[in-house]
Amino acid sequence: MNGRFMPIEEATISIATHAFNYGTGCFEGIRGYWNPEHEEVYLVKLHHHFRRLLNSCRLFRIDIGRSVEELCEIAVELVRRGGYHEDVYVRPIAYKSSPVIRVGLLNLEDAFCCYTAPMGDYHDIEHGLSVTVSGWRRNDDNAIPARAKATGGYLNAALAIADAQDAGFDEAILLTQDGHVSEASSANLFLVMNGRLITPEVSDDILVGITRGALIELALKLGIRVEERRVDRTELYVADEVFLCGTGAQISPVTSIDHRTIGKGEVGAITAKVARTYFDAVHGRAPEYRSWVLPVYKR
């Protein structure tokens, strides 16, 4: 923060900070997986995450004055200094830092910070999730662009997941303004139908997920056909398998939606196969996917 490494307790902002008052910031979530056999933390798709961060910055008129390569070096150094021997999460944030009471993006100071924390499983990835279709609709690209990870935009996800959990569900799926499937509260989703993977297309107000892209690549290598297209709500209920994916969610099987059992109500065969291959890749155990990960301690 402010160009130097510091203890997290010292990394504070003013209550007048523009981003705190108006949500004028963007961020990324990056996982690092500990491999005890290699004694290594592998950071996943690091360059992809920071390229997306800089794209988000461009949308919100934020200039942090750093390249993708420089940001990657900061993330690696942070994890190294933390001495992690467990799964870790990296959170970079670019934001409007001026202490100004004024709505807007112009003529404001820009800032960047990045911190790390241990992170295990976000969801129950072994037994499956109970999910509901939310009454809240997904951000429209012409309102708060979903392809950018805007800090303020996640109020949309917060409303959906809070109502879902209050009703006894684990997660929520949001629809677009015209009623097609978009994504979960903070994860992309895939359906398995007739042996194919189906996922909502980019124009349906999804975050263009890095894990989503990785799974499309992985599925094609496994010989699984992938379709990116519009998805009707009712297709969720009749799918053979459904799973969520994302940095936080990882690969989270869905076993029921709106109290309707998905498939046999257990983790499906294709979901399990994709998950096994993915976790081998991100733990540095699969040489063919070594380009996905960046080692922290033995570079």
C-alpha atoms as a PDB file:
ATOM      1  CA  MET A   1       0.000   0.000   0.000  1.00  0.00           C
ATOM      2  CA  ASN A   2       1.264   3.497  -0.941  1.00  0.00           C
ATOM      3  CA  GLY A   3       4.200   1.838  -2.688  1.00  0.00           C
ATOM      4  CA  ARG A   4       5.568  -0.181   0.218  1.00  0.00           C
ATOM      5  CA  PHE A   5       5.083  -3.432   2.106  1.00  0.00           C
ATOM      6  CA  MET A   6       3.649  -3.041   5.604  1.00  0.00           C
ATOM      7  CA  PRO A   7       1.804  -4.966   8.336  1.00  0.00           C
ATOM      8  CA  ILE A   8      -1.899  -5.186   7.528  1.00  0.00           C
ATOM      9  CA  GLU A   9      -2.734  -3.361  10.761  1.00  0.00           C
ATOM     10  CA  GLU A  10      -1.056  -0.248   9.358  1.00  0.00           C
ATOM     11  CA  ALA A  11      -2.854  -0.397   6.008  1.00  0.00           C
ATOM     12  CA  THR A  12      -5.699   1.998   6.762  1.00  0.00           C
ATOM     13  CA  ILE A  13      -7.706   4.549   4.788  1.00  0.00           C
ATOM     14  CA  SER A  14      -9.633   7.655   5.796  1.00  0.00           C
ATOM     15  CA  ILE A  15     -13.386   7.375   6.334  1.00  0.00           C
ATOM     16  CA  ALA A  16     -13.646  10.150   3.723  1.00  0.00           C
ATOM     17  CA  THR A  17     -12.010   7.998   1.015  1.00  0.00           C
ATOM     18  CA  HIS A  18     -14.041   8.256  -2.191  1.00  0.00           C
ATOM     19  CA  ALA A  19     -14.065   4.488  -2.801  1.00  0.00           C
ATOM     20  CA  PHE A  20     -15.356   3.827   0.723  1.00  0.00           C
ATOM     21  CA  ASN A  21     -18.197   6.303   0.253  1.00  0.00           C
ATOM     22  CA  TYR A  22     -19.157   5.531  -3.353  1.00  0.00           C
ATOM     23  CA  GLY A  23     -17.781   2.088  -4.233  1.00  0.00           C
ATOM     24  CA  THR A  24     -15.433   3.537  -6.855  1.00  0.00           C
ATOM     25  CA  GLY A  25     -12.932   0.733  -7.053  1.00  0.00           C
ATOM     26  CA  CYS A  26     -12.224  -2.580  -8.704  1.00  0.00           C
ATOM     27  CA  PHE A  27     -10.522  -5.718  -7.465  1.00  0.00           C
ATOM     28  CA  GLU A  28      -9.424  -9.252  -8.172  1.00  0.00           C
ATOM     29  CA  GLY A  29      -9.464 -12.496  -6.231  1.00  0.00           C
ATOM     30  CA  ILE A  30      -6.527 -14.831  -6.818  1.00  0.00           C
ATOM     31  CA  ARG A  31      -5.905 -18.232  -5.256  1.00  0.00           C
ATOM     32  CA  GLY A  32      -2.652 -19.871  -4.437  1.00  0.00           C
ATOM     33  CA  TYR A  33      -2.654 -23.609  -3.728  1.00  0.00           C
ATOM     34  CA  TRP A  34      -0.193 -25.250  -1.351  1.00  0.00           C
ATOM     35  CA  ASN A  35       1.409 -28.440  -2.621  1.00  0.00           C
ATOM     36  CA  PRO A  36       3.098 -30.149   0.368  1.00  0.00           C
ATOM     37  CA  GLU A  37       5.003 -32.616  -1.832  1.00  0.00           C
ATOM     38  CA  HIS A  38       6.585 -29.777  -3.786  1.00  0.00           C
ATOM     39  CA  GLU A  39       6.719 -27.497  -0.718  1.00  0.00           C
ATOM     40  CA  GLU A  40       5.341 -24.830  -2.985  1.00  0.00           C
ATOM     41  CA  VAL A  41       2.467 -22.373  -3.304  1.00  0.00           C
ATOM     42  CA  TYR A  42       1.164 -22.143  -6.863  1.00  0.00           C
ATOM     43  CA  LEU A  43      -0.609 -18.911  -7.806  1.00  0.00           C
ATOM     44  CA  VAL A  44      -3.278 -19.591 -10.412  1.00  0.00           C
ATOM     45  CA  LYS A  45      -3.637 -17.605 -13.645  1.00  0.00           C
ATOM     46  CA  LEU A  46      -1.865 -14.625 -12.109  1.00  0.00           C
ATOM     47  CA  HIS A  47      -1.266 -12.749 -15.370  1.00  0.00           C
ATOM     48  CA  HIS A  48      -4.879 -13.264 -16.434  1.00  0.00           C
ATOM     49  CA  HIS A  49      -6.161 -11.785 -13.181  1.00  0.00           C
ATOM     50  CA  PHE A  50      -4.016  -8.687 -13.400  1.00  0.00           C
ATOM     51  CA  ARG A  51      -4.869  -8.141 -17.062  1.00  0.00           C
ATOM     52  CA  ARG A  52      -8.527  -8.198 -16.055  1.00  0.00           C
ATOM     53  CA  LEU A  53      -7.822  -5.798 -13.191  1.00  0.00           C
ATOM     54  CA  LEU A  54      -6.254  -3.306 -15.584  1.00  0.00           C
ATOM     55  CA  ASN A  55      -9.229  -3.693 -17.952  1.00  0.00           C
ATOM     56  CA  SER A  56     -11.547  -2.918 -15.026  1.00  0.00           C
ATOM     57  CA  CYS A  57      -9.387   0.092 -14.226  1.00  0.00           C
ATOM     58  CA  ARG A  58      -9.782   1.329 -17.783  1.00  0.00           C
ATOM     59  CA  LEU A  59     -13.566   1.176 -17.492  1.00  0.00           C
ATOM     60  CA  PHE A  60     -13.573   3.129 -14.246  1.00  0.00           C
ATOM     61  CA  ARG A  61     -10.894   5.658 -15.244  1.00  0.00           C
ATOM     62  CA  ILE A  62      -8.382   4.424 -12.690  1.00  0.00           C
ATOM     63  CA  ASP A  63      -4.665   4.573 -13.430  1.00  0.00           C
ATOM     64  CA  ILE A  64      -2.416   2.800 -10.936  1.00  0.00           C
ATOM     65  CA  GLY A  65       0.719   3.246 -13.037  1.00  0.00           C
ATOM     66  CA  ARG A  66       1.801  -0.392 -12.928  1.00  0.00           C
ATOM     67  CA  SER A  67       2.121  -3.092 -15.564  1.00  0.00           C
ATOM     68  CA  VAL A  68       0.810  -6.653 -15.370  1.00  0.00           C
ATOM     69  CA  GLU A  69       4.352  -7.893 -14.756  1.00  0.00           C
ATOM     70  CA  GLU A  70       4.917  -5.449 -11.896  1.00  0.00           C
ATOM     71  CA  LEU A  71       1.631  -6.424 -10.283  1.00  0.00           C
ATOM     72  CA  CYS A  72       2.525 -10.113 -10.550  1.00  0.00           C
ATOM     73  CA  GLU A  73       5.835  -9.463  -8.799  1.00  0.00           C
ATOM     74  CA  ILE A  74       4.032  -7.671  -5.966  1.00  0.00           C
ATOM     75  CA  ALA A  75       1.634 -10.598  -5.483  1.00  0.00           C
ATOM     76  CA  VAL A  76       4.428 -13.172  -5.458  1.00  0.00           C
ATOM     77  CA  GLU A  77       6.463 -11.114  -3.001  1.00  0.00           C
ATOM     78  CA  LEU A  78       3.477 -10.683  -0.678  1.00  0.00           C
ATOM     79  CA  VAL A  79       2.842 -14.422  -0.512  1.00  0.00           C
ATOM     80  CA  ARG A  80       6.554 -15.128  -0.073  1.00  0.00           C
ATOM     81  CA  ARG A  81       6.801 -12.640   2.787  1.00  0.00           C
ATOM     82  CA  GLY A  82       3.759 -14.234   4.395  1.00  0.00           C
ATOM     83  CA  GLY A  83       5.555 -17.582   4.444  1.00  0.00           C
ATOM     84  CA  TYR A  84       2.358 -19.462   3.594  1.00  0.00           C
ATOM     85  CA  HIS A  85       2.356 -23.241   3.812  1.00  0.00           C
ATOM     86  CA  GLU A  86      -1.377 -23.495   3.110  1.00  0.00           C
ATOM     87  CA  ASP A  87      -3.857 -22.336   0.499  1.00  0.00           C
ATOM     88  CA  VAL A  88      -3.787 -18.567   0.205  1.00  0.00           C
ATOM     89  CA  TYR A  89      -5.935 -15.793  -1.247  1.00  0.00           C
ATOM     90  CA  VAL A  90      -4.567 -12.615  -2.840  1.00  0.00           C
ATOM     91  CA  ARG A  91      -6.767  -9.508  -2.999  1.00  0.00           C
ATOM     92  CA  PRO A  92      -5.536  -6.559  -5.114  1.00  0.00           C
ATOM     93  CA  ILE A  93      -7.698  -3.406  -5.155  1.00  0.00           C
ATOM     94  CA  ALA A  94      -7.467  -0.308  -7.343  1.00  0.00           C
ATOM     95  CA  TYR A  95      -9.561   2.591  -6.129  1.00  0.00           C
ATOM     96  CA  LYS A  96     -10.320   6.302  -6.015  1.00  0.00           C
ATOM     97  CA  SER A  97      -8.535   7.512  -2.906  1.00  0.00           C
ATOM     98  CA  SER A  98      -9.360  11.229  -2.731  1.00  0.00           C
ATOM     99  CA  PRO A  99     -11.153  12.324   0.474  1.00  0.00           C
ATOM    100  CA  VAL A 100     -13.879  14.084  -1.498  1.00  0.00           C
ATOM    101  CA  ILE A 101     -17.654  14.203  -1.102  1.00  0.00           C
ATOM    102  CA  ARG A 102     -18.590  14.270  -4.774  1.00  0.00           C
ATOM    103  CA  VAL A 103     -19.996  11.657  -7.126  1.00  0.00           C
ATOM    104  CA  GLY A 104     -17.834  11.094 -10.191  1.00  0.00           C
ATOM    105  CA  LEU A 105     -14.599   9.606 -11.495  1.00  0.00           C
ATOM    106  CA  LEU A 106     -12.693  12.576 -12.884  1.00  0.00           C
ATOM    107  CA  ASN A 107     -10.006  14.621 -11.149  1.00  0.00           C
ATOM    108  CA  LEU A 108      -9.633  12.157  -8.283  1.00  0.00           C
ATOM    109  CA  GLU A 109      -6.492  10.462  -6.990  1.00  0.00           C
ATOM    110  CA  ASP A 110      -6.000   6.771  -7.773  1.00  0.00           C
ATOM    111  CA  ALA A 111      -4.432   4.220  -5.445  1.00  0.00           C
ATOM    112  CA  PHE A 112      -3.551   0.528  -5.292  1.00  0.00           C
ATOM    113  CA  CYS A 113      -3.248  -1.926  -2.438  1.00  0.00           C
ATOM    114  CA  CYS A 114      -2.919  -5.689  -2.180  1.00  0.00           C
ATOM    115  CA  TYR A 115      -3.133  -8.094   0.743  1.00  0.00           C
ATOM    116  CA  THR A 116      -3.178 -11.819   1.412  1.00  0.00           C
ATOM    117  CA  ALA A 117      -5.022 -14.179   3.733  1.00  0.00           C
ATOM    118  CA  PRO A 118      -5.353 -17.942   4.217  1.00  0.00           C
ATOM    119  CA  MET A 119      -8.341 -19.407   2.369  1.00  0.00           C
ATOM    120  CA  GLY A 120      -9.793 -22.877   2.367  1.00  0.00           C
ATOM    121  CA  ASP A 121     -13.007 -24.057   0.723  1.00  0.00           C
ATOM    122  CA  TYR A 122     -15.595 -21.339   0.138  1.00  0.00           C
ATOM    123  CA  HIS A 123     -18.418 -23.865  -0.339  1.00  0.00           C
ATOM    124  CA  ASP A 124     -18.978 -27.541   0.386  1.00  0.00           C
ATOM    125  CA  ILE A 125     -17.319 -28.838  -2.748  1.00  0.00           C
ATOM    126  CA  GLU A 126     -17.714 -32.483  -1.736  1.00  0.00           C
ATOM    127  CA  HIS A 127     -21.451 -32.896  -1.192  1.00  0.00           C
ATOM    128  CA  GLY A 128     -23.106 -30.239  -3.305  1.00  0.00           C
ATOM    129  CA  LEU A 129     -25.083 -27.053  -2.824  1.00  0.00           C
ATOM    130  CA  SER A 130     -28.732 -26.178  -2.464  1.00  0.00           C
ATOM    131  CA  VAL A 131     -29.414 -23.194  -4.724  1.00  0.00           C
ATOM    132  CA  THR A 132     -32.318 -20.879  -5.540  1.00  0.00           C
ATOM    133  CA  VAL A 133     -33.070 -18.550  -8.430  1.00  0.00           C
ATOM    134  CA  SER A 134     -32.960 -15.057  -6.980  1.00  0.00           C
ATOM    135  CA  GLY A 135     -35.629 -12.408  -7.286  1.00  0.00           C
ATOM    136  CA  TRP A 136     -32.833  -9.878  -7.784  1.00  0.00           C
ATOM    137  CA  ARG A 137     -31.733  -9.408 -11.390  1.00  0.00           C
ATOM    138  CA  ARG A 138     -28.114  -9.273 -12.535  1.00  0.00           C
ATOM    139  CA  ASN A 139     -26.412  -5.936 -13.181  1.00  0.00           C
ATOM    140  CA  ASP A 140     -26.924  -4.849 -16.765  1.00  0.00           C
ATOM    141  CA  ASP A 141     -23.826  -4.042 -18.845  1.00  0.00           C
ATOM    142  CA  ASN A 142     -25.255  -0.574 -19.448  1.00  0.00           C
ATOM    143  CA  ALA A 143     -25.696   0.049 -15.711  1.00  0.00           C
ATOM    144  CA  ILE A 144     -22.762  -1.400 -13.754  1.00  0.00           C
ATOM    145  CA  PRO A 145     -20.744  -3.556 -16.170  1.00  0.00           C
ATOM    146  CA  ALA A 146     -20.574  -7.131 -14.881  1.00  0.00           C
ATOM    147  CA  ARG A 147     -17.415  -7.851 -16.897  1.00  0.00           C
ATOM    148  CA  ALA A 148     -15.556  -5.542 -14.507  1.00  0.00           C
ATOM    149  CA  LYS A 149     -15.066  -6.521 -10.867  1.00  0.00           C
ATOM    150  CA  ALA A 150     -16.377  -3.277  -9.406  1.00  0.00           C
ATOM    151  CA  THR A 151     -16.365  -3.059  -5.617  1.00  0.00           C
ATOM    152  CA  GLY A 152     -19.695  -1.219  -5.535  1.00  0.00           C
ATOM    153  CA  GLY A 153     -21.250  -3.627  -8.033  1.00  0.00           C
ATOM    154  CA  TYR A 154     -21.054  -6.488  -5.574  1.00  0.00           C
ATOM    155  CA  LEU A 155     -24.018  -5.058  -3.668  1.00  0.00           C
ATOM    156  CA  ASN A 156     -25.992  -6.895  -6.350  1.00  0.00           C
ATOM    157  CA  ALA A 157     -24.435 -10.205  -5.305  1.00  0.00           C
ATOM    158  CA  ALA A 158     -24.793  -9.369  -1.613  1.00  0.00           C
ATOM    159  CA  LEU A 159     -28.552  -8.815  -1.926  1.00  0.00           C
ATOM    160  CA  ALA A 160     -29.006 -12.109  -3.754  1.00  0.00           C
ATOM    161  CA  ILE A 161     -26.891 -14.303  -1.469  1.00  0.00           C
ATOM    162  CA  ALA A 162     -28.291 -12.767   1.722  1.00  0.00           C
ATOM    163  CA  ASP A 163     -31.873 -13.504   0.715  1.00  0.00           C
ATOM    164  CA  ALA A 164     -30.935 -17.010  -0.423  1.00  0.00           C
ATOM    165  CA  GLN A 165     -29.173 -17.863   2.824  1.00  0.00           C
ATOM    166  CA  ASP A 166     -31.989 -16.351   4.856  1.00  0.00           C
ATOM    167  CA  ALA A 167     -34.344 -18.754   3.065  1.00  0.00           C
ATOM    168  CA  GLY A 168     -32.108 -21.747   3.853  1.00  0.00           C
ATOM    169  CA  PHE A 169     -30.209 -22.065   0.566  1.00  0.00           C
ATOM    170  CA  ASP A 170     -26.451 -22.091   0.066  1.00  0.00           C
ATOM    171  CA  GLU A 171     -26.293 -19.930  -3.047  1.00  0.00           C
ATOM    172  CA  ALA A 172     -28.337 -17.863  -5.495  1.00  0.00           C
ATOM    173  CA  ILE A 173     -28.513 -17.772  -9.285  1.00  0.00           C
ATOM    174  CA  LEU A 174     -29.343 -14.424 -10.857  1.00  0.00           C
ATOM    175  CA  LEU A 175     -31.194 -13.867 -14.115  1.00  0.00           C
ATOM    176  CA  THR A 176     -30.613 -11.150 -16.689  1.00  0.00           C
ATOM    177  CA  GLN A 177     -33.079  -8.299 -17.104  1.00  0.00           C
ATOM    178  CA  ASP A 178     -34.889 -10.313 -19.794  1.00  0.00           C
ATOM    179  CA  GLY A 179     -35.046 -13.456 -17.663  1.00  0.00           C
ATOM    180  CA  HIS A 180     -32.196 -15.627 -18.905  1.00  0.00           C
ATOM    181  CA  VAL A 181     -29.648 -17.311 -16.636  1.00  0.00           C
ATOM    182  CA  SER A 182     -26.609 -15.161 -15.883  1.00  0.00           C
ATOM    183  CA  GLU A 183     -24.511 -16.468 -13.002  1.00  0.00           C
ATOM    184  CA  ALA A 184     -24.467 -17.198  -9.280  1.00  0.00           C
ATOM    185  CA  SER A 185     -23.969 -14.460  -6.700  1.00  0.00           C
ATOM    186  CA  SER A 186     -20.191 -14.526  -7.156  1.00  0.00           C
ATOM    187  CA  ALA A 187     -19.496 -17.461  -9.461  1.00  0.00           C
ATOM    188  CA  ASN A 188     -20.085 -18.561 -13.037  1.00  0.00           C
ATOM    189  CA  LEU A 189     -22.074 -21.702 -13.700  1.00  0.00           C
ATOM    190  CA  PHE A 190     -22.134 -24.684 -16.016  1.00  0.00           C
ATOM    191  CA  LEU A 191     -24.890 -27.136 -16.844  1.00  0.00           C
ATOM    192  CA  VAL A 192     -24.224 -30.672 -18.026  1.00  0.00           C
ATOM    193  CA  MET A 193     -26.808 -31.799 -20.585  1.00  0.00           C
ATOM    194  CA  ASN A 194     -26.435 -34.871 -22.783  1.00  0.00           C
ATOM    195  CA  GLY A 195     -22.727 -35.070 -22.032  1.00  0.00           C
ATOM    196  CA  ARG A 196     -22.052 -31.431 -22.991  1.00  0.00           C
ATOM    197  CA  LEU A 197     -21.043 -28.467 -20.861  1.00  0.00           C
ATOM    198  CA  ILE A 198     -23.329 -25.462 -21.329  1.00  0.00           C
ATOM    199  CA  THR A 199     -22.575 -22.039 -19.871  1.00  0.00           C
ATOM    200  CA  PRO A 200     -24.247 -18.631 -20.312  1.00  0.00           C
ATOM    201  CA  GLU A 201     -22.643 -16.488 -22.986  1.00  0.00           C
ATOM    202  CA  VAL A 202     -20.628 -13.383 -22.214  1.00  0.00           C
ATOM    203  CA  SER A 203     -23.401 -11.033 -23.371  1.00  0.00           C
ATOM    204  CA  ASP A 204     -25.709 -12.300 -20.604  1.00  0.00           C
ATOM    205  CA  ASP A 205     -24.088  -9.974 -18.064  1.00  0.00           C
ATOM    206  CA  ILE A 206     -21.635 -12.463 -16.636  1.00  0.00           C
ATOM    207  CA  LEU A 207     -18.232 -11.759 -15.191  1.00  0.00           C
ATOM    208  CA  VAL A 208     -15.918 -13.207 -17.831  1.00  0.00           C
ATOM    209  CA  GLY A 209     -14.529 -15.631 -15.295  1.00  0.00           C
ATOM    210  CA  ILE A 210     -10.929 -16.759 -15.386  1.00  0.00           C
ATOM    211  CA  THR A 211     -11.835 -20.100 -13.818  1.00  0.00           C
ATOM    212  CA  ARG A 212     -14.676 -20.363 -16.338  1.00  0.00           C
ATOM    213  CA  GLY A 213     -12.194 -19.884 -19.171  1.00  0.00           C
ATOM    214  CA  ALA A 214      -9.820 -22.426 -17.660  1.00  0.00           C
ATOM    215  CA  LEU A 215     -12.589 -25.018 -17.434  1.00  0.00           C
ATOM    216  CA  ILE A 216     -13.613 -24.469 -21.040  1.00  0.00           C
ATOM    217  CA  GLU A 217     -10.010 -25.108 -22.076  1.00  0.00           C
ATOM    218  CA  LEU A 218      -9.783 -28.123 -19.801  1.00  0.00           C
ATOM    219  CA  ALA A 219     -13.087 -29.637 -20.997  1.00  0.00           C
ATOM    220  CA  LEU A 220     -12.073 -29.406 -24.628  1.00  0.00           C
ATOM    221  CA  LYS A 221      -8.809 -31.219 -23.837  1.00  0.00           C
ATOM    222  CA  LEU A 222     -10.871 -33.915 -22.099  1.00  0.00           C
ATOM    223  CA  GLY A 223     -13.011 -34.308 -25.205  1.00  0.00           C
ATOM    224  CA  ILE A 224     -16.094 -32.713 -23.648  1.00  0.00           C
ATOM    225  CA  ARG A 225     -18.101 -30.465 -25.957  1.00  0.00           C
ATOM    226  CA  VAL A 226     -18.732 -26.929 -24.635  1.00  0.00           C
ATOM    227  CA  GLU A 227     -21.520 -24.546 -25.646  1.00  0.00           C
ATOM    228  CA  GLU A 228     -21.621 -20.863 -24.697  1.00  0.00           C
ATOM    229  CA  ARG A 229     -25.214 -19.740 -25.273  1.00  0.00           C
ATOM    230  CA  ARG A 230     -28.327 -18.281 -23.723  1.00  0.00           C
ATOM    231  CA  VAL A 231     -29.753 -20.490 -20.996  1.00  0.00           C
ATOM    232  CA  ASP A 232     -33.421 -20.555 -19.976  1.00  0.00           C
ATOM    233  CA  ARG A 233     -34.315 -20.760 -16.302  1.00  0.00           C
ATOM    234  CA  THR A 234     -36.164 -24.046 -16.744  1.00  0.00           C
ATOM    235  CA  GLU A 235     -33.052 -25.667 -18.213  1.00  0.00           C
ATOM    236  CA  LEU A 236     -31.527 -25.416 -14.742  1.00  0.00           C
ATOM    237  CA  TYR A 237     -34.179 -27.747 -13.359  1.00  0.00           C
ATOM    238  CA  VAL A 238     -33.836 -30.438 -16.030  1.00  0.00           C
ATOM    239  CA  ALA A 239     -30.039 -30.450 -16.368  1.00  0.00           C
ATOM    240  CA  ASP A 240     -28.191 -33.690 -15.658  1.00  0.00           C
ATOM    241  CA  GLU A 241     -25.590 -31.840 -13.582  1.00  0.00           C
ATOM    242  CA  VAL A 242     -24.933 -28.240 -12.522  1.00  0.00           C
ATOM    243  CA  PHE A 243     -21.851 -26.745 -10.936  1.00  0.00           C
ATOM    244  CA  LEU A 244     -20.580 -23.295 -10.009  1.00  0.00           C
ATOM    245  CA  CYS A 245     -17.039 -22.162 -10.619  1.00  0.00           C
ATOM    246  CA  GLY A 246     -14.811 -19.276  -9.650  1.00  0.00           C
ATOM    247  CA  THR A 247     -11.742 -18.368  -7.651  1.00  0.00           C
ATOM    248  CA  GLY A 248     -13.665 -18.505  -4.393  1.00  0.00           C
ATOM    249  CA  ALA A 249     -16.203 -21.170  -5.344  1.00  0.00           C
ATOM    250  CA  GLN A 250     -13.580 -23.359  -7.078  1.00  0.00           C
ATOM    251  CA  ILE A 251     -15.786 -26.104  -8.545  1.00  0.00           C
ATOM    252  CA  SER A 252     -18.922 -26.393  -6.425  1.00  0.00           C
ATOM    253  CA  PRO A 253     -21.462 -29.049  -7.461  1.00  0.00           C
ATOM    254  CA  VAL A 254     -25.150 -28.135  -7.226  1.00  0.00           C
ATOM    255  CA  THR A 255     -27.480 -30.924  -6.133  1.00  0.00           C
ATOM    256  CA  SER A 256     -30.777 -29.019  -5.931  1.00  0.00           C
ATOM    257  CA  ILE A 257     -32.271 -25.815  -7.337  1.00  0.00           C
ATOM    258  CA  ASP A 258     -35.476 -24.366  -5.898  1.00  0.00           C
ATOM    259  CA  HIS A 259     -36.079 -27.674  -4.071  1.00  0.00           C
ATOM    260  CA  ARG A 260     -35.803 -29.647  -7.319  1.00  0.00           C
ATOM    261  CA  THR A 261     -33.199 -32.404  -7.318  1.00  0.00           C
ATOM    262  CA  ILE A 262     -30.545 -32.071 -10.010  1.00  0.00           C
ATOM    263  CA  GLY A 263     -29.780 -35.388 -11.651  1.00  0.00           C
ATOM    264  CA  LYS A 264     -29.432 -38.012  -8.923  1.00  0.00           C
ATOM    265  CA  GLY A 265     -28.909 -35.426  -6.209  1.00  0.00           C
ATOM    266  CA  GLU A 266     -25.188 -36.132  -5.978  1.00  0.00           C
ATOM    267  CA  VAL A 267     -21.957 -35.000  -7.585  1.00  0.00           C
ATOM    268  CA  GLY A 268     -22.182 -36.021 -11.238  1.00  0.00           C
ATOM    269  CA  ALA A 269     -19.573 -37.956 -13.176  1.00  0.00           C
ATOM    270  CA  ILE A 270     -18.606 -35.149 -15.549  1.00  0.00           C
ATOM    271  CA  THR A 271     -18.443 -32.599 -12.733  1.00  0.00           C
ATOM    272  CA  ALA A 272     -16.208 -34.944 -10.744  1.00  0.00           C
ATOM    273  CA  LYS A 273     -13.925 -35.576 -13.737  1.00  0.00           C
ATOM    274  CA  VAL A 274     -13.551 -31.869 -14.489  1.00  0.00           C
ATOM    275  CA  ALA A 275     -12.928 -31.114 -10.801  1.00  0.00           C
ATOM    276  CA  ARG A 276     -10.229 -33.788 -10.446  1.00  0.00           C
ATOM    277  CA  THR A 277      -8.362 -32.506 -13.472  1.00  0.00           C
ATOM    278  CA  TYR A 278      -8.714 -28.878 -12.383  1.00  0.00           C
ATOM    279  CA  PHE A 279      -7.393 -29.488  -8.868  1.00  0.00           C
ATOM    280  CA  ASP A 280      -4.453 -31.444 -10.245  1.00  0.00           C
ATOM    281  CA  ALA A 281      -3.695 -28.499 -12.516  1.00  0.00           C
ATOM    282  CA  VAL A 282      -3.868 -25.755  -9.882  1.00  0.00           C
ATOM    283  CA  HIS A 283      -1.797 -27.760  -7.409  1.00  0.00           C
ATOM    284  CA  GLY A 284       1.003 -28.067  -9.954  1.00  0.00           C
ATOM    285  CA  ARG A 285       0.507 -31.813 -10.393  1.00  0.00           C
ATOM    286  CA  ALA A 286      -0.348 -31.760 -14.105  1.00  0.00           C
ATOM    287  CA  PRO A 287       2.569 -30.870 -16.403  1.00  0.00           C
ATOM    288  CA  GLU A 288       0.262 -30.082 -19.340  1.00  0.00           C
ATOM    289  CA  TYR A 289      -1.290 -27.253 -17.308  1.00  0.00           C
ATOM    290  CA  ARG A 290       1.910 -25.935 -15.756  1.00  0.00           C
ATOM    291  CA  SER A 291       1.454 -22.649 -17.632  1.00  0.00           C
ATOM    292  CA  TRP A 292      -1.602 -21.969 -15.465  1.00  0.00           C
ATOM    293  CA  VAL A 293       0.398 -21.640 -12.262  1.00  0.00           C
ATOM    294  CA  LEU A 294       3.285 -19.574 -10.961  1.00  0.00           C
ATOM    295  CA  PRO A 295       5.414 -20.972  -8.119  1.00  0.00           C
ATOM    296  CA  VAL A 296       6.175 -18.619  -5.244  1.00  0.00           C
ATOM    297  CA  TYR A 297       9.197 -20.124  -3.508  1.00  0.00           C
ATOM    298  CA  LYS A 298      11.082 -21.913  -6.301  1.00  0.00           C
ATOM    299  CA  ARG A 299      10.736 -19.640  -9.287  1.00  0.00           C
END
